[in-house]
Amino acid sequence: MKTEMRYIELKTGFSDDGPAWIAPAAFSKTGKTVYFNNHAFIRYNGISGNYADIETGEEYWISGVKRTGSNRCPWSRDKITVARNVLDEFLALTGQASLDSSQYEIADIPANYPVERIRALLND
């Protein structure tokens, strides 16, 4: 399964300051399903998000990581959680030597991609 570093932000229940992560996401063979942190997402043409959680319907914004590091809306106050296993890749992409602790926090995010669970759900 192909994985890539992505920016992921929960939109449901939040304006532009929901929980956000920079972490590896996995993609199905067709690229239509994105997996992250025990969730699976499909494209959704919603008002505030571009993907929906297949199981909960919650809206998420999922995109590539910007070189400027400015994925979050400027007025958001919440920190972005950066997965430890993509920290070096993120720093290299943005040209930073270290993370600004007022904007980011580092965490271990397990590579838990629920492919079989989602496949069973969609085939029922």
PDB file of N, CA and C in Angstrom:
ATOM      1  N   MET A   1       0.846  -1.174   0.000  1.00  0.00           N
ATOM      2  CA  MET A   1       0.000   0.000   0.000  1.00  0.00           C
ATOM      3  C   MET A   1       0.892   1.238   0.000  1.00  0.00           C
ATOM      4  N   LYS A   2       0.579   2.181  -0.828  1.00  0.00           N
ATOM      5  CA  LYS A   2       1.351   3.406  -0.963  1.00  0.00           C
ATOM      6  C   LYS A   2       1.032   4.365   0.190  1.00  0.00           C
ATOM      7  N   THR A   3       2.067   4.921   0.813  1.00  0.00           N
ATOM      8  CA  THR A   3       1.858   5.925   1.855  1.00  0.00           C
ATOM      9  C   THR A   3       2.560   7.217   1.464  1.00  0.00           C
ATOM     10  N   GLU A   4       1.976   8.323   1.882  1.00  0.00           N
ATOM     11  CA  GLU A   4       2.544   9.650   1.643  1.00  0.00           C
ATOM     12  C   GLU A   4       2.231  10.550   2.825  1.00  0.00           C
ATOM     13  N   MET A   5       3.092  11.508   3.071  1.00  0.00           N
ATOM     14  CA  MET A   5       2.862  12.491   4.123  1.00  0.00           C
ATOM     15  C   MET A   5       1.710  13.400   3.688  1.00  0.00           C
ATOM     16  N   ARG A   6       0.753  13.590   4.580  1.00  0.00           N
ATOM     17  CA  ARG A   6      -0.419  14.408   4.289  1.00  0.00           C
ATOM     18  C   ARG A   6      -0.762  15.307   5.467  1.00  0.00           C
ATOM     19  N   TYR A   7      -1.490  16.381   5.150  1.00  0.00           N
ATOM     20  CA  TYR A   7      -2.089  17.247   6.156  1.00  0.00           C
ATOM     21  C   TYR A   7      -3.534  16.795   6.294  1.00  0.00           C
ATOM     22  N   ILE A   8      -3.973  16.512   7.522  1.00  0.00           N
ATOM     23  CA  ILE A   8      -5.320  15.994   7.780  1.00  0.00           C
ATOM     24  C   ILE A   8      -5.933  16.840   8.891  1.00  0.00           C
ATOM     25  N   GLU A   9      -7.123  17.383   8.645  1.00  0.00           N
ATOM     26  CA  GLU A   9      -7.785  18.228   9.651  1.00  0.00           C
ATOM     27  C   GLU A   9      -9.260  17.857   9.750  1.00  0.00           C
ATOM     28  N   LEU A  10      -9.719  17.631  10.967  1.00  0.00           N
ATOM     29  CA  LEU A  10     -11.137  17.366  11.212  1.00  0.00           C
ATOM     30  C   LEU A  10     -11.911  18.670  11.069  1.00  0.00           C
ATOM     31  N   LYS A  11     -12.944  18.670  10.231  1.00  0.00           N
ATOM     32  CA  LYS A  11     -13.745  19.869  10.008  1.00  0.00           C
ATOM     33  C   LYS A  11     -15.086  19.807  10.746  1.00  0.00           C
ATOM     34  N   THR A  12     -15.680  18.627  10.867  1.00  0.00           N
ATOM     35  CA  THR A  12     -16.986  18.482  11.512  1.00  0.00           C
ATOM     36  C   THR A  12     -16.908  18.962  12.963  1.00  0.00           C
ATOM     37  N   GLY A  13     -17.789  19.901  13.307  1.00  0.00           N
ATOM     38  CA  GLY A  13     -17.842  20.404  14.675  1.00  0.00           C
ATOM     39  C   GLY A  13     -16.848  21.508  14.969  1.00  0.00           C
ATOM     40  N   PHE A  14     -16.067  21.880  13.982  1.00  0.00           N
ATOM     41  CA  PHE A  14     -15.060  22.926  14.154  1.00  0.00           C
ATOM     42  C   PHE A  14     -15.155  23.886  12.980  1.00  0.00           C
ATOM     43  N   SER A  15     -14.672  25.069  13.165  1.00  0.00           N
ATOM     44  CA  SER A  15     -14.605  26.017  12.058  1.00  0.00           C
ATOM     45  C   SER A  15     -13.355  25.672  11.264  1.00  0.00           C
ATOM     46  N   ASP A  16     -12.299  26.400  11.487  1.00  0.00           N
ATOM     47  CA  ASP A  16     -11.033  26.102  10.814  1.00  0.00           C
ATOM     48  C   ASP A  16      -9.943  25.805  11.820  1.00  0.00           C
ATOM     49  N   ASP A  17     -10.328  25.281  12.987  1.00  0.00           N
ATOM     50  CA  ASP A  17      -9.317  24.992  14.000  1.00  0.00           C
ATOM     51  C   ASP A  17      -9.558  23.646  14.680  1.00  0.00           C
ATOM     52  N   GLY A  18     -10.001  22.664  13.897  1.00  0.00           N
ATOM     53  CA  GLY A  18     -10.177  21.322  14.433  1.00  0.00           C
ATOM     54  C   GLY A  18      -8.834  20.641  14.624  1.00  0.00           C
ATOM     55  N   PRO A  19      -8.822  19.491  15.254  1.00  0.00           N
ATOM     56  CA  PRO A  19      -7.576  18.741  15.406  1.00  0.00           C
ATOM     57  C   PRO A  19      -6.942  18.507  14.034  1.00  0.00           C
ATOM     58  N   ALA A  20      -5.628  18.648  13.965  1.00  0.00           N
ATOM     59  CA  ALA A  20      -4.932  18.511  12.683  1.00  0.00           C
ATOM     60  C   ALA A  20      -3.634  17.738  12.871  1.00  0.00           C
ATOM     61  N   TRP A  21      -3.263  17.004  11.824  1.00  0.00           N
ATOM     62  CA  TRP A  21      -2.076  16.167  11.853  1.00  0.00           C
ATOM     63  C   TRP A  21      -1.297  16.307  10.557  1.00  0.00           C
ATOM     64  N   ILE A  22      -0.007  16.163  10.651  1.00  0.00           N
ATOM     65  CA  ILE A  22       0.849  15.942   9.493  1.00  0.00           C
ATOM     66  C   ILE A  22       1.439  14.564   9.741  1.00  0.00           C
ATOM     67  N   ALA A  23       1.045  13.630   8.897  1.00  0.00           N
ATOM     68  CA  ALA A  23       1.356  12.226   9.174  1.00  0.00           C
ATOM     69  C   ALA A  23       1.281  11.418   7.888  1.00  0.00           C
ATOM     70  N   PRO A  24       1.792  10.181   7.928  1.00  0.00           N
ATOM     71  CA  PRO A  24       1.644   9.338   6.753  1.00  0.00           C
ATOM     72  C   PRO A  24       0.199   8.861   6.607  1.00  0.00           C
ATOM     73  N   ALA A  25      -0.290   8.894   5.395  1.00  0.00           N
ATOM     74  CA  ALA A  25      -1.603   8.349   5.064  1.00  0.00           C
ATOM     75  C   ALA A  25      -1.381   7.292   3.993  1.00  0.00           C
ATOM     76  N   ALA A  26      -2.187   6.252   4.025  1.00  0.00           N
ATOM     77  CA  ALA A  26      -2.080   5.181   3.033  1.00  0.00           C
ATOM     78  C   ALA A  26      -3.220   5.328   2.029  1.00  0.00           C
ATOM     79  N   PHE A  27      -2.976   4.841   0.830  1.00  0.00           N
ATOM     80  CA  PHE A  27      -3.955   4.954  -0.248  1.00  0.00           C
ATOM     81  C   PHE A  27      -4.285   3.578  -0.807  1.00  0.00           C
ATOM     82  N   SER A  28      -5.551   3.392  -1.156  1.00  0.00           N
ATOM     83  CA  SER A  28      -5.958   2.146  -1.801  1.00  0.00           C
ATOM     84  C   SER A  28      -5.307   2.060  -3.177  1.00  0.00           C
ATOM     85  N   LYS A  29      -5.423   0.915  -3.820  1.00  0.00           N
ATOM     86  CA  LYS A  29      -4.833   0.734  -5.153  1.00  0.00           C
ATOM     87  C   LYS A  29      -5.353   1.757  -6.145  1.00  0.00           C
ATOM     88  N   THR A  30      -6.633   2.093  -6.040  1.00  0.00           N
ATOM     89  CA  THR A  30      -7.227   3.060  -6.968  1.00  0.00           C
ATOM     90  C   THR A  30      -6.960   4.499  -6.547  1.00  0.00           C
ATOM     91  N   GLY A  31      -6.533   4.692  -5.299  1.00  0.00           N
ATOM     92  CA  GLY A  31      -6.300   6.033  -4.773  1.00  0.00           C
ATOM     93  C   GLY A  31      -7.568   6.716  -4.300  1.00  0.00           C
ATOM     94  N   LYS A  32      -8.696   6.035  -4.357  1.00  0.00           N
ATOM     95  CA  LYS A  32      -9.970   6.645  -3.978  1.00  0.00           C
ATOM     96  C   LYS A  32     -10.237   6.609  -2.476  1.00  0.00           C
ATOM     97  N   THR A  33      -9.556   5.707  -1.775  1.00  0.00           N
ATOM     98  CA  THR A  33      -9.723   5.603  -0.324  1.00  0.00           C
ATOM     99  C   THR A  33      -8.406   5.969   0.344  1.00  0.00           C
ATOM    100  N   VAL A  34      -8.501   6.812   1.357  1.00  0.00           N
ATOM    101  CA  VAL A  34      -7.332   7.238   2.134  1.00  0.00           C
ATOM    102  C   VAL A  34      -7.497   6.679   3.537  1.00  0.00           C
ATOM    103  N   TYR A  35      -6.417   6.115   4.079  1.00  0.00           N
ATOM    104  CA  TYR A  35      -6.425   5.541   5.416  1.00  0.00           C
ATOM    105  C   TYR A  35      -5.477   6.322   6.317  1.00  0.00           C
ATOM    106  N   PHE A  36      -5.960   6.619   7.535  1.00  0.00           N
ATOM    107  CA  PHE A  36      -5.136   7.314   8.524  1.00  0.00           C
ATOM    108  C   PHE A  36      -5.693   7.044   9.911  1.00  0.00           C
ATOM    109  N   ASN A  37      -4.816   6.656  10.842  1.00  0.00           N
ATOM    110  CA  ASN A  37      -5.150   6.567  12.261  1.00  0.00           C
ATOM    111  C   ASN A  37      -6.442   5.786  12.535  1.00  0.00           C
ATOM    112  N   ASN A  38      -6.548   4.601  11.942  1.00  0.00           N
ATOM    113  CA  ASN A  38      -7.689   3.707  12.115  1.00  0.00           C
ATOM    114  C   ASN A  38      -8.988   4.250  11.515  1.00  0.00           C
ATOM    115  N   HIS A  39      -8.877   5.150  10.552  1.00  0.00           N
ATOM    116  CA  HIS A  39     -10.026   5.693   9.823  1.00  0.00           C
ATOM    117  C   HIS A  39      -9.808   5.469   8.334  1.00  0.00           C
ATOM    118  N   ALA A  40     -10.912   5.477   7.590  1.00  0.00           N
ATOM    119  CA  ALA A  40     -10.857   5.400   6.135  1.00  0.00           C
ATOM    120  C   ALA A  40     -11.724   6.524   5.577  1.00  0.00           C
ATOM    121  N   PHE A  41     -11.229   7.176   4.548  1.00  0.00           N
ATOM    122  CA  PHE A  41     -11.900   8.351   3.996  1.00  0.00           C
ATOM    123  C   PHE A  41     -12.112   8.195   2.497  1.00  0.00           C
ATOM    124  N   ILE A  42     -13.233   8.765   2.013  1.00  0.00           N
ATOM    125  CA  ILE A  42     -13.477   8.850   0.580  1.00  0.00           C
ATOM    126  C   ILE A  42     -13.758  10.302   0.230  1.00  0.00           C
ATOM    127  N   ARG A  43     -13.539  10.638  -1.042  1.00  0.00           N
ATOM    128  CA  ARG A  43     -13.800  12.008  -1.502  1.00  0.00           C
ATOM    129  C   ARG A  43     -15.242  12.380  -1.238  1.00  0.00           C
ATOM    130  N   TYR A  44     -15.424  13.635  -0.868  1.00  0.00           N
ATOM    131  CA  TYR A  44     -16.755  14.136  -0.529  1.00  0.00           C
ATOM    132  C   TYR A  44     -16.802  15.598  -0.926  1.00  0.00           C
ATOM    133  N   ASN A  45     -17.819  15.988  -1.644  1.00  0.00           N
ATOM    134  CA  ASN A  45     -17.949  17.382  -2.065  1.00  0.00           C
ATOM    135  C   ASN A  45     -18.788  18.157  -1.057  1.00  0.00           C
ATOM    136  N   GLY A  46     -18.321  18.171   0.171  1.00  0.00           N
ATOM    137  CA  GLY A  46     -19.033  18.861   1.241  1.00  0.00           C
ATOM    138  C   GLY A  46     -18.687  20.335   1.297  1.00  0.00           C
ATOM    139  N   ILE A  47     -19.268  21.010   2.236  1.00  0.00           N
ATOM    140  CA  ILE A  47     -19.065  22.442   2.377  1.00  0.00           C
ATOM    141  C   ILE A  47     -17.702  22.763   2.983  1.00  0.00           C
ATOM    142  N   SER A  48     -17.332  22.051   4.044  1.00  0.00           N
ATOM    143  CA  SER A  48     -16.095  22.430   4.724  1.00  0.00           C
ATOM    144  C   SER A  48     -14.972  21.411   4.590  1.00  0.00           C
ATOM    145  N   GLY A  49     -15.260  20.242   4.073  1.00  0.00           N
ATOM    146  CA  GLY A  49     -14.218  19.230   3.933  1.00  0.00           C
ATOM    147  C   GLY A  49     -14.199  18.656   2.535  1.00  0.00           C
ATOM    148  N   ASN A  50     -13.110  17.981   2.200  1.00  0.00           N
ATOM    149  CA  ASN A  50     -13.044  17.357   0.887  1.00  0.00           C
ATOM    150  C   ASN A  50     -13.067  15.837   0.968  1.00  0.00           C
ATOM    151  N   TYR A  51     -13.078  15.291   2.190  1.00  0.00           N
ATOM    152  CA  TYR A  51     -13.186  13.850   2.409  1.00  0.00           C
ATOM    153  C   TYR A  51     -14.161  13.599   3.538  1.00  0.00           C
ATOM    154  N   ALA A  52     -14.751  12.399   3.530  1.00  0.00           N
ATOM    155  CA  ALA A  52     -15.639  11.995   4.621  1.00  0.00           C
ATOM    156  C   ALA A  52     -15.161  10.661   5.172  1.00  0.00           C
ATOM    157  N   ASP A  53     -15.252  10.505   6.477  1.00  0.00           N
ATOM    158  CA  ASP A  53     -14.947   9.243   7.130  1.00  0.00           C
ATOM    159  C   ASP A  53     -16.026   8.248   6.720  1.00  0.00           C
ATOM    160  N   ILE A  54     -15.642   7.123   6.170  1.00  0.00           N
ATOM    161  CA  ILE A  54     -16.593   6.128   5.664  1.00  0.00           C
ATOM    162  C   ILE A  54     -17.520   5.626   6.770  1.00  0.00           C
ATOM    163  N   GLU A  55     -17.027   5.483   7.978  1.00  0.00           N
ATOM    164  CA  GLU A  55     -17.830   4.926   9.065  1.00  0.00           C
ATOM    165  C   GLU A  55     -18.649   5.961   9.820  1.00  0.00           C
ATOM    166  N   THR A  56     -18.136   7.171  10.000  1.00  0.00           N
ATOM    167  CA  THR A  56     -18.839   8.167  10.825  1.00  0.00           C
ATOM    168  C   THR A  56     -19.482   9.291  10.022  1.00  0.00           C
ATOM    169  N   GLY A  57     -19.033   9.507   8.792  1.00  0.00           N
ATOM    170  CA  GLY A  57     -19.549  10.604   7.980  1.00  0.00           C
ATOM    171  C   GLY A  57     -18.921  11.948   8.308  1.00  0.00           C
ATOM    172  N   GLU A  58     -18.024  11.989   9.287  1.00  0.00           N
ATOM    173  CA  GLU A  58     -17.382  13.257   9.638  1.00  0.00           C
ATOM    174  C   GLU A  58     -16.558  13.773   8.460  1.00  0.00           C
ATOM    175  N   GLU A  59     -16.549  15.097   8.314  1.00  0.00           N
ATOM    176  CA  GLU A  59     -15.808  15.723   7.233  1.00  0.00           C
ATOM    177  C   GLU A  59     -14.382  16.046   7.659  1.00  0.00           C
ATOM    178  N   TYR A  60     -13.452  15.816   6.748  1.00  0.00           N
ATOM    179  CA  TYR A  60     -12.041  16.098   6.968  1.00  0.00           C
ATOM    180  C   TYR A  60     -11.485  16.840   5.763  1.00  0.00           C
ATOM    181  N   TRP A  61     -10.461  17.626   6.007  1.00  0.00           N
ATOM    182  CA  TRP A  61      -9.680  18.217   4.927  1.00  0.00           C
ATOM    183  C   TRP A  61      -8.381  17.422   4.856  1.00  0.00           C
ATOM    184  N   ILE A  62      -8.100  16.836   3.701  1.00  0.00           N
ATOM    185  CA  ILE A  62      -6.874  16.075   3.505  1.00  0.00           C
ATOM    186  C   ILE A  62      -6.183  16.631   2.275  1.00  0.00           C
ATOM    187  N   SER A  63      -4.917  17.005   2.452  1.00  0.00           N
ATOM    188  CA  SER A  63      -4.177  17.591   1.337  1.00  0.00           C
ATOM    189  C   SER A  63      -2.694  17.302   1.485  1.00  0.00           C
ATOM    190  N   GLY A  64      -1.962  17.670   0.467  1.00  0.00           N
ATOM    191  CA  GLY A  64      -0.517  17.595   0.566  1.00  0.00           C
ATOM    192  C   GLY A  64      -0.028  18.617   1.578  1.00  0.00           C
ATOM    193  N   VAL A  65       1.200  18.469   2.008  1.00  0.00           N
ATOM    194  CA  VAL A  65       1.785  19.388   2.977  1.00  0.00           C
ATOM    195  C   VAL A  65       2.449  20.534   2.214  1.00  0.00           C
ATOM    196  N   LYS A  66       2.129  21.755   2.578  1.00  0.00           N
ATOM    197  CA  LYS A  66       2.693  22.923   1.897  1.00  0.00           C
ATOM    198  C   LYS A  66       4.138  23.153   2.317  1.00  0.00           C
ATOM    199  N   ARG A  67       4.941  23.552   1.375  1.00  0.00           N
ATOM    200  CA  ARG A  67       6.357  23.842   1.654  1.00  0.00           C
ATOM    201  C   ARG A  67       6.521  24.980   2.658  1.00  0.00           C
ATOM    202  N   THR A  68       5.563  25.879   2.685  1.00  0.00           N
ATOM    203  CA  THR A  68       5.627  27.007   3.621  1.00  0.00           C
ATOM    204  C   THR A  68       5.233  26.584   5.033  1.00  0.00           C
ATOM    205  N   GLY A  69       4.643  25.382   5.156  1.00  0.00           N
ATOM    206  CA  GLY A  69       4.198  24.916   6.465  1.00  0.00           C
ATOM    207  C   GLY A  69       2.909  25.563   6.912  1.00  0.00           C
ATOM    208  N   SER A  70       2.262  26.320   6.023  1.00  0.00           N
ATOM    209  CA  SER A  70       1.071  27.093   6.392  1.00  0.00           C
ATOM    210  C   SER A  70      -0.220  26.358   6.045  1.00  0.00           C
ATOM    211  N   ASN A  71      -0.312  25.086   6.371  1.00  0.00           N
ATOM    212  CA  ASN A  71      -1.522  24.326   6.064  1.00  0.00           C
ATOM    213  C   ASN A  71      -2.729  24.827   6.849  1.00  0.00           C
ATOM    214  N   ARG A  72      -2.526  25.222   8.046  1.00  0.00           N
ATOM    215  CA  ARG A  72      -3.584  25.671   8.946  1.00  0.00           C
ATOM    216  C   ARG A  72      -4.011  27.086   8.565  1.00  0.00           C
ATOM    217  N   CYS A  73      -5.301  27.393   8.718  1.00  0.00           N
ATOM    218  CA  CYS A  73      -5.767  28.755   8.484  1.00  0.00           C
ATOM    219  C   CYS A  73      -5.065  29.695   9.461  1.00  0.00           C
ATOM    220  N   PRO A  74      -4.741  30.913   9.033  1.00  0.00           N
ATOM    221  CA  PRO A  74      -3.944  31.821   9.865  1.00  0.00           C
ATOM    222  C   PRO A  74      -4.575  32.168  11.213  1.00  0.00           C
ATOM    223  N   TRP A  75      -5.897  32.139  11.314  1.00  0.00           N
ATOM    224  CA  TRP A  75      -6.545  32.527  12.567  1.00  0.00           C
ATOM    225  C   TRP A  75      -6.738  31.353  13.525  1.00  0.00           C
ATOM    226  N   SER A  76      -6.333  30.165  13.138  1.00  0.00           N
ATOM    227  CA  SER A  76      -6.464  29.009  14.017  1.00  0.00           C
ATOM    228  C   SER A  76      -5.474  29.100  15.171  1.00  0.00           C
ATOM    229  N   ARG A  77      -5.936  28.685  16.354  1.00  0.00           N
ATOM    230  CA  ARG A  77      -5.088  28.755  17.539  1.00  0.00           C
ATOM    231  C   ARG A  77      -4.513  27.391  17.919  1.00  0.00           C
ATOM    232  N   ASP A  78      -5.079  26.320  17.393  1.00  0.00           N
ATOM    233  CA  ASP A  78      -4.644  24.984  17.797  1.00  0.00           C
ATOM    234  C   ASP A  78      -3.352  24.561  17.106  1.00  0.00           C
ATOM    235  N   LYS A  79      -2.621  23.698  17.784  1.00  0.00           N
ATOM    236  CA  LYS A  79      -1.369  23.178  17.238  1.00  0.00           C
ATOM    237  C   LYS A  79      -1.648  22.048  16.253  1.00  0.00           C
ATOM    238  N   ILE A  80      -0.723  21.836  15.358  1.00  0.00           N
ATOM    239  CA  ILE A  80      -0.760  20.709  14.435  1.00  0.00           C
ATOM    240  C   ILE A  80       0.130  19.623  15.021  1.00  0.00           C
ATOM    241  N   THR A  81      -0.379  18.407  15.083  1.00  0.00           N
ATOM    242  CA  THR A  81       0.397  17.275  15.567  1.00  0.00           C
ATOM    243  C   THR A  81       1.171  16.679  14.401  1.00  0.00           C
ATOM    244  N   VAL A  82       2.479  16.610  14.537  1.00  0.00           N
ATOM    245  CA  VAL A  82       3.336  16.033  13.507  1.00  0.00           C
ATOM    246  C   VAL A  82       3.758  14.641  13.971  1.00  0.00           C
ATOM    247  N   ALA A  83       3.520  13.655  13.109  1.00  0.00           N
ATOM    248  CA  ALA A  83       3.919  12.282  13.441  1.00  0.00           C
ATOM    249  C   ALA A  83       5.442  12.210  13.482  1.00  0.00           C
ATOM    250  N   ARG A  84       5.948  11.591  14.513  1.00  0.00           N
ATOM    251  CA  ARG A  84       7.391  11.481  14.694  1.00  0.00           C
ATOM    252  C   ARG A  84       8.078  10.842  13.482  1.00  0.00           C
ATOM    253  N   ASN A  85       7.411   9.877  12.846  1.00  0.00           N
ATOM    254  CA  ASN A  85       8.057   9.172  11.738  1.00  0.00           C
ATOM    255  C   ASN A  85       8.089   9.966  10.426  1.00  0.00           C
ATOM    256  N   VAL A  86       7.487  11.160  10.383  1.00  0.00           N
ATOM    257  CA  VAL A  86       7.628  12.023   9.200  1.00  0.00           C
ATOM    258  C   VAL A  86       8.265  13.362   9.564  1.00  0.00           C
ATOM    259  N   LEU A  87       8.724  13.498  10.791  1.00  0.00           N
ATOM    260  CA  LEU A  87       9.293  14.766  11.246  1.00  0.00           C
ATOM    261  C   LEU A  87      10.451  15.223  10.366  1.00  0.00           C
ATOM    262  N   ASP A  88      11.411  14.342  10.111  1.00  0.00           N
ATOM    263  CA  ASP A  88      12.559  14.733   9.280  1.00  0.00           C
ATOM    264  C   ASP A  88      12.126  15.123   7.875  1.00  0.00           C
ATOM    265  N   GLU A  89      11.177  14.386   7.306  1.00  0.00           N
ATOM    266  CA  GLU A  89      10.664  14.697   5.958  1.00  0.00           C
ATOM    267  C   GLU A  89       9.969  16.064   5.955  1.00  0.00           C
ATOM    268  N   PHE A  90       9.185  16.335   7.008  1.00  0.00           N
ATOM    269  CA  PHE A  90       8.482  17.615   7.113  1.00  0.00           C
ATOM    270  C   PHE A  90       9.467  18.771   7.260  1.00  0.00           C
ATOM    271  N   LEU A  91      10.458  18.609   8.119  1.00  0.00           N
ATOM    272  CA  LEU A  91      11.457  19.664   8.307  1.00  0.00           C
ATOM    273  C   LEU A  91      12.223  19.923   7.016  1.00  0.00           C
ATOM    274  N   ALA A  92      12.585  18.870   6.295  1.00  0.00           N
ATOM    275  CA  ALA A  92      13.306  19.035   5.025  1.00  0.00           C
ATOM    276  C   ALA A  92      12.432  19.749   3.999  1.00  0.00           C
ATOM    277  N   LEU A  93      11.157  19.380   3.932  1.00  0.00           N
ATOM    278  CA  LEU A  93      10.237  20.000   2.972  1.00  0.00           C
ATOM    279  C   LEU A  93      10.069  21.489   3.239  1.00  0.00           C
ATOM    280  N   THR A  94       9.956  21.855   4.514  1.00  0.00           N
ATOM    281  CA  THR A  94       9.697  23.247   4.876  1.00  0.00           C
ATOM    282  C   THR A  94      10.965  24.062   5.094  1.00  0.00           C
ATOM    283  N   GLY A  95      12.119  23.393   5.099  1.00  0.00           N
ATOM    284  CA  GLY A  95      13.382  24.108   5.287  1.00  0.00           C
ATOM    285  C   GLY A  95      13.608  24.579   6.709  1.00  0.00           C
ATOM    286  N   GLN A  96      12.935  23.956   7.660  1.00  0.00           N
ATOM    287  CA  GLN A  96      13.094  24.329   9.061  1.00  0.00           C
ATOM    288  C   GLN A  96      14.148  23.446   9.726  1.00  0.00           C
ATOM    289  N   ALA A  97      14.828  23.992  10.709  1.00  0.00           N
ATOM    290  CA  ALA A  97      15.787  23.206  11.478  1.00  0.00           C
ATOM    291  C   ALA A  97      15.086  22.481  12.629  1.00  0.00           C
ATOM    292  N   SER A  98      14.015  23.086  13.139  1.00  0.00           N
ATOM    293  CA  SER A  98      13.236  22.483  14.219  1.00  0.00           C
ATOM    294  C   SER A  98      11.812  23.030  14.142  1.00  0.00           C
ATOM    295  N   LEU A  99      10.926  22.424  14.911  1.00  0.00           N
ATOM    296  CA  LEU A  99       9.533  22.865  14.927  1.00  0.00           C
ATOM    297  C   LEU A  99       9.315  24.002  15.906  1.00  0.00           C
ATOM    298  N   ASP A 100       8.436  24.917  15.539  1.00  0.00           N
ATOM    299  CA  ASP A 100       8.006  25.990  16.426  1.00  0.00           C
ATOM    300  C   ASP A 100       6.993  25.385  17.398  1.00  0.00           C
ATOM    301  N   SER A 101       7.354  25.291  18.665  1.00  0.00           N
ATOM    302  CA  SER A 101       6.493  24.621  19.651  1.00  0.00           C
ATOM    303  C   SER A 101       5.179  25.365  19.903  1.00  0.00           C
ATOM    304  N   SER A 102       5.053  26.592  19.433  1.00  0.00           N
ATOM    305  CA  SER A 102       3.781  27.295  19.576  1.00  0.00           C
ATOM    306  C   SER A 102       2.795  26.884  18.479  1.00  0.00           C
ATOM    307  N   GLN A 103       3.291  26.233  17.418  1.00  0.00           N
ATOM    308  CA  GLN A 103       2.434  25.833  16.302  1.00  0.00           C
ATOM    309  C   GLN A 103       2.319  24.327  16.130  1.00  0.00           C
ATOM    310  N   TYR A 104       3.323  23.590  16.620  1.00  0.00           N
ATOM    311  CA  TYR A 104       3.369  22.147  16.374  1.00  0.00           C
ATOM    312  C   TYR A 104       3.673  21.376  17.652  1.00  0.00           C
ATOM    313  N   GLU A 105       3.230  20.123  17.656  1.00  0.00           N
ATOM    314  CA  GLU A 105       3.641  19.178  18.675  1.00  0.00           C
ATOM    315  C   GLU A 105       3.952  17.867  17.967  1.00  0.00           C
ATOM    316  N   ILE A 106       4.817  17.076  18.568  1.00  0.00           N
ATOM    317  CA  ILE A 106       5.248  15.812  17.971  1.00  0.00           C
ATOM    318  C   ILE A 106       4.600  14.669  18.741  1.00  0.00           C
ATOM    319  N   ALA A 107       4.128  13.659  18.009  1.00  0.00           N
ATOM    320  CA  ALA A 107       3.509  12.496  18.654  1.00  0.00           C
ATOM    321  C   ALA A 107       3.786  11.244  17.833  1.00  0.00           C
ATOM    322  N   ASP A 108       3.708  10.107  18.511  1.00  0.00           N
ATOM    323  CA  ASP A 108       3.771   8.825  17.824  1.00  0.00           C
ATOM    324  C   ASP A 108       2.354   8.484  17.370  1.00  0.00           C
ATOM    325  N   ILE A 109       2.180   8.328  16.073  1.00  0.00           N
ATOM    326  CA  ILE A 109       0.877   7.976  15.517  1.00  0.00           C
ATOM    327  C   ILE A 109       1.039   6.621  14.852  1.00  0.00           C
ATOM    328  N   PRO A 110       0.375   5.596  15.380  1.00  0.00           N
ATOM    329  CA  PRO A 110       0.556   4.252  14.819  1.00  0.00           C
ATOM    330  C   PRO A 110       0.050   4.151  13.383  1.00  0.00           C
ATOM    331  N   ALA A 111       0.717   3.341  12.596  1.00  0.00           N
ATOM    332  CA  ALA A 111       0.301   3.087  11.213  1.00  0.00           C
ATOM    333  C   ALA A 111      -0.802   2.040  11.245  1.00  0.00           C
ATOM    334  N   ASN A 112      -1.999   2.474  11.564  1.00  0.00           N
ATOM    335  CA  ASN A 112      -3.140   1.577  11.692  1.00  0.00           C
ATOM    336  C   ASN A 112      -4.102   1.878  10.545  1.00  0.00           C
ATOM    337  N   TYR A 113      -4.049   1.051   9.507  1.00  0.00           N
ATOM    338  CA  TYR A 113      -4.858   1.251   8.310  1.00  0.00           C
ATOM    339  C   TYR A 113      -5.906   0.141   8.234  1.00  0.00           C
ATOM    340  N   PRO A 114      -7.186   0.444   8.504  1.00  0.00           N
ATOM    341  CA  PRO A 114      -8.229  -0.578   8.638  1.00  0.00           C
ATOM    342  C   PRO A 114      -8.768  -1.107   7.304  1.00  0.00           C
ATOM    343  N   VAL A 115      -7.893  -1.585   6.462  1.00  0.00           N
ATOM    344  CA  VAL A 115      -8.284  -2.012   5.121  1.00  0.00           C
ATOM    345  C   VAL A 115      -9.313  -3.143   5.167  1.00  0.00           C
ATOM    346  N   GLU A 116      -9.039  -4.182   5.916  1.00  0.00           N
ATOM    347  CA  GLU A 116      -9.950  -5.332   5.960  1.00  0.00           C
ATOM    348  C   GLU A 116     -11.300  -4.964   6.561  1.00  0.00           C
ATOM    349  N   ARG A 117     -11.300  -4.177   7.636  1.00  0.00           N
ATOM    350  CA  ARG A 117     -12.553  -3.768   8.263  1.00  0.00           C
ATOM    351  C   ARG A 117     -13.418  -2.968   7.298  1.00  0.00           C
ATOM    352  N   ILE A 118     -12.806  -2.049   6.578  1.00  0.00           N
ATOM    353  CA  ILE A 118     -13.545  -1.206   5.638  1.00  0.00           C
ATOM    354  C   ILE A 118     -14.009  -2.029   4.449  1.00  0.00           C
ATOM    355  N   ARG A 119     -13.161  -2.914   3.970  1.00  0.00           N
ATOM    356  CA  ARG A 119     -13.546  -3.774   2.847  1.00  0.00           C
ATOM    357  C   ARG A 119     -14.777  -4.614   3.229  1.00  0.00           C
ATOM    358  N   ALA A 120     -14.770  -5.175   4.437  1.00  0.00           N
ATOM    359  CA  ALA A 120     -15.904  -5.971   4.894  1.00  0.00           C
ATOM    360  C   ALA A 120     -17.165  -5.099   5.026  1.00  0.00           C
ATOM    361  N   LEU A 121     -17.006  -3.894   5.548  1.00  0.00           N
ATOM    362  CA  LEU A 121     -18.133  -2.975   5.702  1.00  0.00           C
ATOM    363  C   LEU A 121     -18.743  -2.621   4.344  1.00  0.00           C
ATOM    364  N   LEU A 122     -17.911  -2.313   3.380  1.00  0.00           N
ATOM    365  CA  LEU A 122     -18.407  -1.903   2.060  1.00  0.00           C
ATOM    366  C   LEU A 122     -18.981  -3.067   1.262  1.00  0.00           C
ATOM    367  N   ASN A 123     -18.552  -4.280   1.567  1.00  0.00           N
ATOM    368  CA  ASN A 123     -19.054  -5.443   0.830  1.00  0.00           C
ATOM    369  C   ASN A 123     -20.288  -6.067   1.459  1.00  0.00           C
ATOM    370  N   ASP A 124     -20.730  -5.568   2.612  1.00  0.00           N
ATOM    371  CA  ASP A 124     -21.939  -6.100   3.246  1.00  0.00           C
ATOM    372  C   ASP A 124     -23.195  -5.538   2.607  1.00  0.00           C
TER     373      ASP A 124
END
